[in-house]
């Protein structure tokens, strides 16, 4: 699993699946446009919503949960990275949110 920057994540948004693993109350505040929301605790039950052929960029609030999710996805046969700094860094950089 690689840790990528917010700039790299922004550049790869059109070719990778952004996976937001935060809780419902967290995504109610903001989310990266086009991201798929699957809370970390629901990941195993909802793996079928991800295409193994499409790289995944896991995102959470600060980067801790997403690192664990990216590792689990890689172990399950996906190609997954985590976004360093999470949504805190994304919003500080004034990148787009919904």
N, C-alpha and C. Protein backbone atom coordinates (compact mmCIF):
# COMPACT_ATOMS: atom_id res chain seq x y z
N UNK A 1 0.84 -1.17 0.00
CA UNK A 1 0.00 0.00 0.00
C UNK A 1 0.88 1.24 0.00
N UNK A 2 0.53 2.16 -0.85
CA UNK A 2 1.27 3.41 -0.90
C UNK A 2 0.44 4.52 -0.27
N UNK A 3 1.13 5.45 0.30
CA UNK A 3 0.47 6.66 0.80
C UNK A 3 0.71 7.72 -0.25
N UNK A 4 -0.38 8.26 -0.80
CA UNK A 4 -0.25 9.27 -1.84
C UNK A 4 -0.68 10.63 -1.29
N UNK A 5 -0.24 11.68 -1.94
CA UNK A 5 -0.57 13.04 -1.50
C UNK A 5 -1.96 13.42 -2.00
N UNK A 6 -2.49 14.49 -1.46
CA UNK A 6 -3.78 14.99 -1.93
C UNK A 6 -3.69 15.41 -3.39
N UNK A 7 -2.55 15.94 -3.80
CA UNK A 7 -2.36 16.34 -5.19
C UNK A 7 -2.42 15.13 -6.11
N UNK A 8 -1.75 14.05 -5.71
CA UNK A 8 -1.79 12.81 -6.51
C UNK A 8 -3.21 12.25 -6.56
N UNK A 9 -3.92 12.30 -5.44
CA UNK A 9 -5.30 11.81 -5.41
C UNK A 9 -6.17 12.62 -6.35
N UNK A 10 -6.02 13.92 -6.32
CA UNK A 10 -6.80 14.79 -7.22
C UNK A 10 -6.50 14.46 -8.67
N UNK A 11 -5.25 14.23 -9.00
CA UNK A 11 -4.87 13.91 -10.37
C UNK A 11 -5.40 12.55 -10.82
N UNK A 12 -5.56 11.62 -9.90
CA UNK A 12 -5.99 10.26 -10.23
C UNK A 12 -7.50 10.04 -10.09
N UNK A 13 -8.25 11.07 -9.71
CA UNK A 13 -9.69 10.91 -9.47
C UNK A 13 -10.44 10.34 -10.67
N UNK A 14 -10.00 10.65 -11.89
CA UNK A 14 -10.72 10.19 -13.07
C UNK A 14 -10.40 8.73 -13.44
N UNK A 15 -9.33 8.18 -12.88
CA UNK A 15 -8.94 6.81 -13.23
C UNK A 15 -8.99 5.85 -12.04
N UNK A 16 -9.24 6.36 -10.86
CA UNK A 16 -9.30 5.52 -9.66
C UNK A 16 -10.64 5.75 -8.97
N UNK A 17 -11.02 4.81 -8.13
CA UNK A 17 -12.23 4.93 -7.32
C UNK A 17 -11.84 5.52 -5.98
N UNK A 18 -12.39 6.69 -5.66
CA UNK A 18 -12.19 7.27 -4.33
C UNK A 18 -13.17 6.57 -3.39
N UNK A 19 -12.65 5.99 -2.33
CA UNK A 19 -13.47 5.27 -1.36
C UNK A 19 -13.38 6.00 -0.03
N UNK A 20 -14.48 6.61 0.36
CA UNK A 20 -14.55 7.34 1.63
C UNK A 20 -15.03 6.38 2.71
N UNK A 21 -14.18 6.12 3.69
CA UNK A 21 -14.49 5.12 4.72
C UNK A 21 -14.92 5.74 6.05
N UNK A 22 -15.23 7.04 6.02
CA UNK A 22 -15.68 7.71 7.25
C UNK A 22 -17.11 7.31 7.59
N UNK A 23 -17.53 7.68 8.76
CA UNK A 23 -18.89 7.40 9.23
C UNK A 23 -19.88 8.38 8.58
N UNK A 24 -21.16 8.03 8.63
CA UNK A 24 -22.20 8.85 8.01
C UNK A 24 -22.15 10.30 8.47
N UNK A 25 -22.00 10.53 9.76
CA UNK A 25 -22.01 11.90 10.28
C UNK A 25 -20.83 12.70 9.74
N UNK A 26 -19.73 12.02 9.41
CA UNK A 26 -18.56 12.72 8.88
C UNK A 26 -18.75 13.12 7.42
N UNK A 27 -19.32 12.23 6.62
CA UNK A 27 -19.52 12.56 5.21
C UNK A 27 -20.65 13.55 5.01
N UNK A 28 -21.50 13.72 6.02
CA UNK A 28 -22.56 14.72 5.94
C UNK A 28 -21.97 16.13 5.84
N UNK A 29 -20.75 16.32 6.35
CA UNK A 29 -20.09 17.63 6.30
C UNK A 29 -19.52 17.91 4.92
N UNK A 30 -18.82 16.94 4.34
CA UNK A 30 -18.21 17.12 3.02
C UNK A 30 -17.71 15.78 2.51
N UNK A 31 -17.54 15.73 1.20
CA UNK A 31 -17.06 14.51 0.56
C UNK A 31 -16.42 14.89 -0.76
N UNK A 32 -15.47 14.11 -1.22
CA UNK A 32 -14.86 14.34 -2.53
C UNK A 32 -15.90 13.97 -3.59
N UNK A 33 -16.15 14.86 -4.55
CA UNK A 33 -17.15 14.56 -5.59
C UNK A 33 -16.85 13.23 -6.28
N UNK A 34 -17.89 12.42 -6.42
CA UNK A 34 -17.77 11.13 -7.08
C UNK A 34 -17.28 10.00 -6.21
N UNK A 35 -16.95 10.29 -4.95
CA UNK A 35 -16.46 9.24 -4.05
C UNK A 35 -17.58 8.28 -3.70
N UNK A 36 -17.19 7.04 -3.45
CA UNK A 36 -18.10 6.03 -2.96
C UNK A 36 -17.95 5.99 -1.44
N UNK A 37 -19.08 6.04 -0.74
CA UNK A 37 -19.04 6.02 0.73
C UNK A 37 -19.36 4.62 1.23
N UNK A 38 -18.39 3.99 1.85
CA UNK A 38 -18.59 2.73 2.56
C UNK A 38 -17.87 2.88 3.90
N UNK A 39 -18.61 3.04 4.99
CA UNK A 39 -17.95 3.15 6.30
C UNK A 39 -17.03 1.95 6.54
N UNK A 40 -15.93 2.19 7.20
CA UNK A 40 -14.92 1.16 7.44
C UNK A 40 -15.53 -0.12 7.99
N UNK A 41 -16.44 -0.02 8.92
CA UNK A 41 -17.05 -1.19 9.53
C UNK A 41 -17.92 -2.02 8.60
N UNK A 42 -18.29 -1.46 7.44
CA UNK A 42 -19.13 -2.17 6.49
C UNK A 42 -18.35 -2.71 5.30
N UNK A 43 -17.06 -2.49 5.27
CA UNK A 43 -16.26 -2.80 4.09
C UNK A 43 -16.39 -4.26 3.66
N UNK A 44 -16.20 -5.20 4.56
CA UNK A 44 -16.24 -6.62 4.19
C UNK A 44 -17.58 -7.00 3.56
N UNK A 45 -18.65 -6.50 4.12
CA UNK A 45 -19.99 -6.83 3.62
C UNK A 45 -20.28 -6.18 2.28
N UNK A 46 -19.56 -5.13 1.93
CA UNK A 46 -19.86 -4.37 0.71
C UNK A 46 -18.73 -4.40 -0.32
N UNK A 47 -17.79 -5.33 -0.20
CA UNK A 47 -16.68 -5.42 -1.15
C UNK A 47 -17.15 -5.55 -2.60
N UNK A 48 -18.31 -6.15 -2.81
CA UNK A 48 -18.82 -6.36 -4.17
C UNK A 48 -19.14 -5.04 -4.88
N UNK A 49 -19.20 -3.94 -4.15
CA UNK A 49 -19.45 -2.63 -4.75
C UNK A 49 -18.19 -2.05 -5.40
N UNK A 50 -17.06 -2.69 -5.16
CA UNK A 50 -15.80 -2.24 -5.74
C UNK A 50 -15.40 -3.15 -6.89
N UNK A 51 -14.84 -2.55 -7.93
CA UNK A 51 -14.36 -3.30 -9.09
C UNK A 51 -12.87 -3.58 -8.89
N UNK A 52 -12.48 -4.85 -8.80
CA UNK A 52 -11.06 -5.17 -8.58
C UNK A 52 -10.14 -4.66 -9.68
N UNK A 53 -10.70 -4.34 -10.86
CA UNK A 53 -9.89 -3.85 -11.97
C UNK A 53 -9.61 -2.35 -11.88
N UNK A 54 -10.28 -1.67 -10.97
CA UNK A 54 -10.12 -0.21 -10.82
C UNK A 54 -9.34 0.08 -9.54
N UNK A 55 -8.24 0.82 -9.65
CA UNK A 55 -7.48 1.17 -8.44
C UNK A 55 -8.34 1.97 -7.45
N UNK A 56 -8.07 1.79 -6.17
CA UNK A 56 -8.83 2.46 -5.12
C UNK A 56 -7.92 3.42 -4.36
N UNK A 57 -8.47 4.59 -4.05
CA UNK A 57 -7.81 5.54 -3.16
C UNK A 57 -8.71 5.66 -1.94
N UNK A 58 -8.25 5.13 -0.82
CA UNK A 58 -9.03 5.16 0.42
C UNK A 58 -8.82 6.49 1.13
N UNK A 59 -9.93 7.04 1.64
CA UNK A 59 -9.91 8.35 2.28
C UNK A 59 -10.69 8.28 3.59
N UNK A 60 -10.15 8.92 4.62
CA UNK A 60 -10.88 9.09 5.87
C UNK A 60 -10.65 10.52 6.36
N UNK A 61 -10.84 10.76 7.62
CA UNK A 61 -10.68 12.11 8.16
C UNK A 61 -9.23 12.56 8.14
N UNK A 62 -8.32 11.70 8.64
CA UNK A 62 -6.92 12.13 8.78
C UNK A 62 -5.92 11.20 8.09
N UNK A 63 -6.35 10.02 7.68
CA UNK A 63 -5.47 9.08 7.01
C UNK A 63 -5.19 7.81 7.78
N UNK A 64 -5.63 7.72 9.03
CA UNK A 64 -5.37 6.52 9.82
C UNK A 64 -6.27 5.34 9.42
N UNK A 65 -7.57 5.55 9.42
CA UNK A 65 -8.49 4.47 9.04
C UNK A 65 -8.28 4.05 7.59
N UNK A 66 -8.07 5.03 6.72
CA UNK A 66 -7.91 4.71 5.30
C UNK A 66 -6.66 3.87 5.06
N UNK A 67 -5.63 4.04 5.85
CA UNK A 67 -4.43 3.22 5.69
C UNK A 67 -4.74 1.76 6.01
N UNK A 68 -5.54 1.53 7.05
CA UNK A 68 -5.92 0.16 7.39
C UNK A 68 -6.83 -0.44 6.32
N UNK A 69 -7.72 0.38 5.78
CA UNK A 69 -8.62 -0.10 4.72
C UNK A 69 -7.82 -0.42 3.46
N UNK A 70 -6.89 0.44 3.08
CA UNK A 70 -6.08 0.18 1.88
C UNK A 70 -5.29 -1.11 2.04
N UNK A 71 -4.76 -1.35 3.22
CA UNK A 71 -4.02 -2.59 3.47
C UNK A 71 -4.94 -3.80 3.33
N UNK A 72 -6.14 -3.72 3.89
CA UNK A 72 -7.10 -4.82 3.79
C UNK A 72 -7.52 -5.05 2.34
N UNK A 73 -7.72 -3.99 1.60
CA UNK A 73 -8.09 -4.13 0.19
C UNK A 73 -6.97 -4.78 -0.61
N UNK A 74 -5.74 -4.36 -0.37
CA UNK A 74 -4.61 -4.98 -1.06
C UNK A 74 -4.52 -6.47 -0.73
N UNK A 75 -4.76 -6.82 0.53
CA UNK A 75 -4.75 -8.22 0.94
C UNK A 75 -5.86 -9.02 0.25
N UNK A 76 -6.95 -8.32 -0.12
CA UNK A 76 -8.09 -8.97 -0.77
C UNK A 76 -7.96 -8.99 -2.29
N UNK A 77 -6.83 -8.52 -2.80
CA UNK A 77 -6.59 -8.58 -4.24
C UNK A 77 -6.85 -7.30 -5.01
N UNK A 78 -7.17 -6.23 -4.32
CA UNK A 78 -7.36 -4.94 -4.96
C UNK A 78 -6.03 -4.19 -5.02
N UNK A 79 -5.99 -3.15 -5.82
CA UNK A 79 -4.85 -2.23 -5.83
C UNK A 79 -5.32 -0.97 -5.13
N UNK A 80 -4.84 -0.73 -3.91
CA UNK A 80 -5.36 0.38 -3.11
C UNK A 80 -4.24 1.19 -2.48
N UNK A 81 -4.46 2.49 -2.45
CA UNK A 81 -3.57 3.43 -1.78
C UNK A 81 -4.37 4.21 -0.76
N UNK A 82 -3.69 4.89 0.13
CA UNK A 82 -4.34 5.76 1.09
C UNK A 82 -3.91 7.20 0.84
N UNK A 83 -4.82 8.14 1.07
CA UNK A 83 -4.52 9.54 0.86
C UNK A 83 -4.01 10.16 2.16
N UNK A 84 -2.77 10.58 2.16
CA UNK A 84 -2.15 11.18 3.34
C UNK A 84 -2.91 12.44 3.77
N UNK A 85 -3.14 12.54 5.06
CA UNK A 85 -3.79 13.73 5.59
C UNK A 85 -5.29 13.72 5.53
N UNK A 86 -5.86 12.79 4.76
CA UNK A 86 -7.30 12.63 4.68
C UNK A 86 -8.05 13.89 4.28
N UNK A 87 -9.31 13.93 4.67
CA UNK A 87 -10.17 15.06 4.31
C UNK A 87 -9.73 16.35 4.98
N UNK A 88 -9.03 16.24 6.09
CA UNK A 88 -8.51 17.46 6.72
C UNK A 88 -7.57 18.17 5.74
N UNK A 89 -6.63 17.42 5.17
CA UNK A 89 -5.68 18.01 4.22
C UNK A 89 -6.38 18.44 2.93
N UNK A 90 -7.33 17.64 2.46
CA UNK A 90 -8.06 17.94 1.22
C UNK A 90 -8.79 19.28 1.34
N UNK A 91 -9.53 19.47 2.42
CA UNK A 91 -10.29 20.71 2.57
C UNK A 91 -9.38 21.91 2.86
N UNK A 92 -8.30 21.69 3.59
CA UNK A 92 -7.34 22.79 3.82
C UNK A 92 -6.74 23.29 2.51
N UNK A 93 -6.60 22.39 1.55
CA UNK A 93 -6.04 22.75 0.24
C UNK A 93 -7.10 23.34 -0.69
N UNK A 94 -8.32 23.47 -0.18
CA UNK A 94 -9.44 24.03 -0.94
C UNK A 94 -9.76 23.24 -2.21
N UNK A 95 -9.57 21.92 -2.13
CA UNK A 95 -9.93 21.05 -3.24
C UNK A 95 -11.44 20.83 -3.20
N UNK A 96 -12.06 20.42 -4.31
CA UNK A 96 -13.52 20.37 -4.39
C UNK A 96 -14.15 19.35 -3.44
N UNK A 97 -15.29 19.74 -2.88
CA UNK A 97 -16.11 18.85 -2.05
C UNK A 97 -17.56 19.04 -2.41
N UNK A 98 -18.37 18.07 -2.02
CA UNK A 98 -19.81 18.20 -2.23
C UNK A 98 -20.48 18.38 -0.88
